[in-house]
Amino acid sequence: MKQLPYFLLATAIVISLGACAAPNGGGGSSAAETQLGPHSAQKFVLLTHTGARELNTADLSYVATMALVLKVEQRMVGGQQEITATASTHRDGPTGTVLGVPNLRVHVTQPVDFSTEPRKAGEAHISKSIPASGGKFKTVTAEASFDSPDFNNAVVSLTIPGDQ
C-alpha cells in the first residue's frame, strides 16, 4: 500500500510522455492546426535540428528548432473559388523570424494540382481560382515541404473540407 502513490505518479508520467510523442511520425516534430475562418486554416510543424553539429550558443547561424508553416486561405470571387497557399519557415516557432531554407515548396493537390518550384527561400506563395458550382467550396488539400539534411520530416499537410 505504501507503493501506491509512487505507482500512480509513475503511471501519470508515462501517460504524459506518451501524450507528448510526436504525432507526425517522430523526427522531433509536432504539429498544430488553427482554423482561420470557415474555409481557411493554418498548420505548422515544429522541427528539431538532427544534431549534425553541437549547439554553440555563440554561433548565431545555428537553428535548433524551426517551424514549417502552411497557410491556406480561400474566398469566393465572382463564382470562382480562389485558393491561396503559403509555406514559410520560422526560427524557434511559427511566429519567429522568417528563415530561408533549401528547396521550399508549397503544393496544392486537391481540387486541382498546382505548385511552386522548389527554391531556396523563407516563403513560397501560390494562388489559383477555379470554377465553383453553385458557389460551394470544394475540399482543398495542400502540403508544404523543404529538403534539408539538417531537419528530418520537413513536411506539413492540411485538408480543409468543402461545403456539403
C-alpha atoms as a PDB file:
ATOM      1  CA  MET A   1       0.000   0.000   0.000  1.00  0.00           C
ATOM      2  CA  LYS A   2       2.959   2.343   0.590  1.00  0.00           C
ATOM      3  CA  GLN A   3       3.928   1.971  -3.068  1.00  0.00           C
ATOM      4  CA  LEU A   4       0.555   3.091  -4.451  1.00  0.00           C
ATOM      5  CA  PRO A   5       1.393   6.849  -4.634  1.00  0.00           C
ATOM      6  CA  TYR A   6       4.650   6.049  -6.448  1.00  0.00           C
ATOM      7  CA  PHE A   7       2.828   3.753  -8.854  1.00  0.00           C
ATOM      8  CA  LEU A   8       0.224   6.444  -9.595  1.00  0.00           C
ATOM      9  CA  LEU A   9       2.938   9.056 -10.119  1.00  0.00           C
ATOM     10  CA  ALA A  10       4.868   6.764 -12.461  1.00  0.00           C
ATOM     11  CA  THR A  11       1.676   5.997 -14.415  1.00  0.00           C
ATOM     12  CA  ALA A  12       0.889   9.713 -14.778  1.00  0.00           C
ATOM     13  CA  ILE A  13       4.424  10.404 -16.046  1.00  0.00           C
ATOM     14  CA  VAL A  14       4.249   7.607 -18.619  1.00  0.00           C
ATOM     15  CA  ILE A  15       0.863   8.812 -19.879  1.00  0.00           C
ATOM     16  CA  SER A  16       2.027  12.426 -20.125  1.00  0.00           C
ATOM     17  CA  LEU A  17       5.169  11.403 -22.018  1.00  0.00           C
ATOM     18  CA  GLY A  18       3.016   9.411 -24.433  1.00  0.00           C
ATOM     19  CA  ALA A  19       0.827  12.467 -24.996  1.00  0.00           C
ATOM     20  CA  CYS A  20       3.937  14.489 -25.875  1.00  0.00           C
ATOM     21  CA  ALA A  21       5.054  11.999 -28.514  1.00  0.00           C
ATOM     22  CA  ALA A  22       5.274  13.455 -31.989  1.00  0.00           C
ATOM     23  CA  PRO A  23       2.045  12.863 -33.941  1.00  0.00           C
ATOM     24  CA  ASN A  24       3.835  13.148 -37.295  1.00  0.00           C
ATOM     25  CA  GLY A  25       5.910  10.019 -37.004  1.00  0.00           C
ATOM     26  CA  GLY A  26       8.861  11.224 -34.978  1.00  0.00           C
ATOM     27  CA  GLY A  27      11.911  13.070 -36.163  1.00  0.00           C
ATOM     28  CA  GLY A  28      11.490  15.532 -33.314  1.00  0.00           C
ATOM     29  CA  SER A  29       8.389  17.085 -34.842  1.00  0.00           C
ATOM     30  CA  SER A  30       4.972  18.034 -33.541  1.00  0.00           C
ATOM     31  CA  ALA A  31       2.073  19.696 -35.328  1.00  0.00           C
ATOM     32  CA  ALA A  32      -0.670  22.208 -34.514  1.00  0.00           C
ATOM     33  CA  GLU A  33      -3.602  23.341 -36.661  1.00  0.00           C
ATOM     34  CA  THR A  34      -5.586  26.577 -36.334  1.00  0.00           C
ATOM     35  CA  GLN A  35      -8.852  27.444 -38.090  1.00  0.00           C
ATOM     36  CA  LEU A  36      -8.600  30.944 -39.618  1.00  0.00           C
ATOM     37  CA  GLY A  37     -12.161  31.041 -40.924  1.00  0.00           C
ATOM     38  CA  PRO A  38     -14.823  28.688 -42.278  1.00  0.00           C
ATOM     39  CA  HIS A  39     -12.677  27.820 -45.315  1.00  0.00           C
ATOM     40  CA  SER A  40      -9.187  28.833 -44.223  1.00  0.00           C
ATOM     41  CA  ALA A  41      -6.671  27.271 -41.861  1.00  0.00           C
ATOM     42  CA  GLN A  42      -3.049  27.223 -40.836  1.00  0.00           C
ATOM     43  CA  LYS A  43      -0.971  24.295 -39.683  1.00  0.00           C
ATOM     44  CA  PHE A  44       2.637  24.166 -38.593  1.00  0.00           C
ATOM     45  CA  VAL A  45       5.095  21.505 -37.622  1.00  0.00           C
ATOM     46  CA  LEU A  46       7.998  22.093 -35.244  1.00  0.00           C
ATOM     47  CA  LEU A  47      11.240  20.535 -36.403  1.00  0.00           C
ATOM     48  CA  THR A  48      14.376  19.993 -34.373  1.00  0.00           C
ATOM     49  CA  HIS A  49      17.865  20.001 -35.788  1.00  0.00           C
ATOM     50  CA  THR A  50      19.166  16.499 -36.471  1.00  0.00           C
ATOM     51  CA  GLY A  51      22.242  17.210 -34.367  1.00  0.00           C
ATOM     52  CA  ALA A  52      24.824  17.019 -37.134  1.00  0.00           C
ATOM     53  CA  ARG A  53      26.802  19.548 -35.124  1.00  0.00           C
ATOM     54  CA  GLU A  54      26.744  20.526 -31.467  1.00  0.00           C
ATOM     55  CA  LEU A  55      24.767  23.511 -30.244  1.00  0.00           C
ATOM     56  CA  ASN A  56      27.041  26.506 -29.939  1.00  0.00           C
ATOM     57  CA  THR A  57      25.241  29.451 -28.359  1.00  0.00           C
ATOM     58  CA  ALA A  58      27.843  31.797 -29.825  1.00  0.00           C
ATOM     59  CA  ASP A  59      27.017  30.616 -33.376  1.00  0.00           C
ATOM     60  CA  LEU A  60      24.089  32.809 -34.460  1.00  0.00           C
ATOM     61  CA  SER A  61      23.581  30.813 -37.670  1.00  0.00           C
ATOM     62  CA  TYR A  62      22.721  27.620 -35.775  1.00  0.00           C
ATOM     63  CA  VAL A  63      18.998  26.875 -35.692  1.00  0.00           C
ATOM     64  CA  ALA A  64      17.988  24.274 -33.106  1.00  0.00           C
ATOM     65  CA  THR A  65      14.220  24.495 -33.723  1.00  0.00           C
ATOM     66  CA  MET A  66      12.317  25.578 -36.806  1.00  0.00           C
ATOM     67  CA  ALA A  67       8.628  25.809 -37.692  1.00  0.00           C
ATOM     68  CA  LEU A  68       7.355  24.927 -41.149  1.00  0.00           C
ATOM     69  CA  VAL A  69       4.054  26.797 -41.527  1.00  0.00           C
ATOM     70  CA  LEU A  70       1.365  26.110 -44.141  1.00  0.00           C
ATOM     71  CA  LYS A  71      -1.463  28.612 -44.514  1.00  0.00           C
ATOM     72  CA  VAL A  72      -4.396  28.029 -46.881  1.00  0.00           C
ATOM     73  CA  GLU A  73      -6.910  30.806 -47.427  1.00  0.00           C
ATOM     74  CA  GLN A  74      -9.998  30.669 -49.642  1.00  0.00           C
ATOM     75  CA  ARG A  75     -12.707  33.028 -50.768  1.00  0.00           C
ATOM     76  CA  MET A  76     -15.396  33.281 -53.428  1.00  0.00           C
ATOM     77  CA  VAL A  77     -14.751  35.849 -56.145  1.00  0.00           C
ATOM     78  CA  GLY A  78     -17.279  36.128 -58.980  1.00  0.00           C
ATOM     79  CA  GLY A  79     -18.343  32.459 -58.925  1.00  0.00           C
ATOM     80  CA  GLN A  80     -14.736  31.283 -58.596  1.00  0.00           C
ATOM     81  CA  GLN A  81     -13.115  29.630 -55.584  1.00  0.00           C
ATOM     82  CA  GLU A  82      -9.826  31.478 -55.061  1.00  0.00           C
ATOM     83  CA  ILE A  83      -7.257  29.299 -53.260  1.00  0.00           C
ATOM     84  CA  THR A  84      -4.115  30.868 -51.810  1.00  0.00           C
ATOM     85  CA  ALA A  85      -1.470  28.666 -50.168  1.00  0.00           C
ATOM     86  CA  THR A  86       1.649  29.912 -48.423  1.00  0.00           C
ATOM     87  CA  ALA A  87       4.570  27.955 -46.979  1.00  0.00           C
ATOM     88  CA  SER A  88       7.028  29.676 -44.649  1.00  0.00           C
ATOM     89  CA  THR A  89       9.835  28.687 -42.318  1.00  0.00           C
ATOM     90  CA  HIS A  90      10.466  30.395 -38.992  1.00  0.00           C
ATOM     91  CA  ARG A  91      13.244  30.199 -36.420  1.00  0.00           C
ATOM     92  CA  ASP A  92      12.150  28.867 -32.994  1.00  0.00           C
ATOM     93  CA  GLY A  93       8.411  28.592 -33.765  1.00  0.00           C
ATOM     94  CA  PRO A  94       5.586  29.784 -36.028  1.00  0.00           C
ATOM     95  CA  THR A  95       5.930  33.452 -35.011  1.00  0.00           C
ATOM     96  CA  GLY A  96       9.736  33.557 -35.139  1.00  0.00           C
ATOM     97  CA  THR A  97      11.970  35.242 -37.670  1.00  0.00           C
ATOM     98  CA  VAL A  98      11.478  34.033 -41.254  1.00  0.00           C
ATOM     99  CA  LEU A  99      14.449  31.900 -42.251  1.00  0.00           C
ATOM    100  CA  GLY A 100      15.481  30.782 -45.740  1.00  0.00           C
ATOM    101  CA  VAL A 101      15.768  27.032 -46.360  1.00  0.00           C
ATOM    102  CA  PRO A 102      16.732  24.951 -49.392  1.00  0.00           C
ATOM    103  CA  ASN A 103      14.036  23.626 -51.739  1.00  0.00           C
ATOM    104  CA  LEU A 104      11.000  25.223 -50.067  1.00  0.00           C
ATOM    105  CA  ARG A 105       7.802  24.303 -51.895  1.00  0.00           C
ATOM    106  CA  VAL A 106       4.039  24.663 -51.492  1.00  0.00           C
ATOM    107  CA  HIS A 107       1.810  22.217 -53.366  1.00  0.00           C
ATOM    108  CA  VAL A 108      -1.980  22.083 -53.657  1.00  0.00           C
ATOM    109  CA  THR A 109      -3.118  18.580 -54.668  1.00  0.00           C
ATOM    110  CA  GLN A 110      -6.911  18.934 -54.456  1.00  0.00           C
ATOM    111  CA  PRO A 111      -9.273  20.054 -56.031  1.00  0.00           C
ATOM    112  CA  VAL A 112      -6.695  20.808 -58.766  1.00  0.00           C
ATOM    113  CA  ASP A 113      -2.954  20.172 -58.789  1.00  0.00           C
ATOM    114  CA  PHE A 114      -0.662  23.242 -58.796  1.00  0.00           C
ATOM    115  CA  SER A 115       2.574  24.117 -57.005  1.00  0.00           C
ATOM    116  CA  THR A 116       5.652  26.276 -56.782  1.00  0.00           C
ATOM    117  CA  GLU A 117       9.049  25.096 -57.935  1.00  0.00           C
ATOM    118  CA  PRO A 118      11.392  24.145 -55.068  1.00  0.00           C
ATOM    119  CA  ARG A 119      13.769  27.034 -54.324  1.00  0.00           C
ATOM    120  CA  LYS A 120      15.857  28.484 -51.517  1.00  0.00           C
ATOM    121  CA  ALA A 121      13.522  30.870 -49.699  1.00  0.00           C
ATOM    122  CA  GLY A 122      11.828  31.693 -46.419  1.00  0.00           C
ATOM    123  CA  GLU A 123       8.382  31.844 -48.016  1.00  0.00           C
ATOM    124  CA  ALA A 124       6.640  30.298 -51.028  1.00  0.00           C
ATOM    125  CA  HIS A 125       3.258  31.583 -52.181  1.00  0.00           C
ATOM    126  CA  ILE A 126       0.797  30.336 -54.799  1.00  0.00           C
ATOM    127  CA  SER A 127      -2.750  31.266 -55.802  1.00  0.00           C
ATOM    128  CA  LYS A 128      -5.300  29.928 -58.275  1.00  0.00           C
ATOM    129  CA  SER A 129      -9.009  30.387 -58.995  1.00  0.00           C
ATOM    130  CA  ILE A 130     -11.245  27.501 -60.042  1.00  0.00           C
ATOM    131  CA  PRO A 131     -14.931  27.330 -61.009  1.00  0.00           C
ATOM    132  CA  ALA A 132     -17.252  26.940 -58.018  1.00  0.00           C
ATOM    133  CA  SER A 133     -20.536  25.290 -58.982  1.00  0.00           C
ATOM    134  CA  GLY A 134     -23.384  26.869 -57.060  1.00  0.00           C
ATOM    135  CA  GLY A 135     -20.950  28.976 -55.035  1.00  0.00           C
ATOM    136  CA  LYS A 136     -19.884  25.957 -52.986  1.00  0.00           C
ATOM    137  CA  PHE A 137     -16.331  25.457 -51.760  1.00  0.00           C
ATOM    138  CA  LYS A 138     -14.546  22.260 -52.819  1.00  0.00           C
ATOM    139  CA  THR A 139     -12.271  20.378 -50.425  1.00  0.00           C
ATOM    140  CA  VAL A 140      -8.693  21.656 -50.566  1.00  0.00           C
ATOM    141  CA  THR A 141      -5.595  19.629 -49.685  1.00  0.00           C
ATOM    142  CA  ALA A 142      -2.183  21.277 -49.604  1.00  0.00           C
ATOM    143  CA  GLU A 143       1.344  20.452 -48.498  1.00  0.00           C
ATOM    144  CA  ALA A 144       4.437  22.486 -47.617  1.00  0.00           C
ATOM    145  CA  SER A 145       7.907  20.973 -47.627  1.00  0.00           C
ATOM    146  CA  PHE A 146      11.603  21.671 -47.814  1.00  0.00           C
ATOM    147  CA  ASP A 147      14.608  19.438 -48.256  1.00  0.00           C
ATOM    148  CA  SER A 148      17.496  19.843 -45.836  1.00  0.00           C
ATOM    149  CA  PRO A 149      19.925  17.355 -44.310  1.00  0.00           C
ATOM    150  CA  ASP A 150      19.660  19.325 -41.035  1.00  0.00           C
ATOM    151  CA  PHE A 151      15.938  18.625 -40.449  1.00  0.00           C
ATOM    152  CA  ASN A 152      14.056  15.324 -40.849  1.00  0.00           C
ATOM    153  CA  ASN A 153      10.410  15.066 -41.956  1.00  0.00           C
ATOM    154  CA  ALA A 154      10.166  18.655 -43.164  1.00  0.00           C
ATOM    155  CA  VAL A 155       6.592  18.293 -44.434  1.00  0.00           C
ATOM    156  CA  VAL A 156       3.242  19.602 -43.226  1.00  0.00           C
ATOM    157  CA  SER A 157      -0.128  18.742 -44.836  1.00  0.00           C
ATOM    158  CA  LEU A 158      -3.522  20.341 -44.420  1.00  0.00           C
ATOM    159  CA  THR A 159      -7.022  19.436 -45.656  1.00  0.00           C
ATOM    160  CA  ILE A 160      -9.900  21.895 -45.477  1.00  0.00           C
ATOM    161  CA  PRO A 161     -13.307  20.281 -46.090  1.00  0.00           C
ATOM    162  CA  GLY A 162     -15.581  21.818 -48.690  1.00  0.00           C
ATOM    163  CA  ASP A 163     -19.291  22.541 -48.476  1.00  0.00           C
ATOM    164  CA  GLN A 164     -21.578  19.513 -48.307  1.00  0.00           C
END
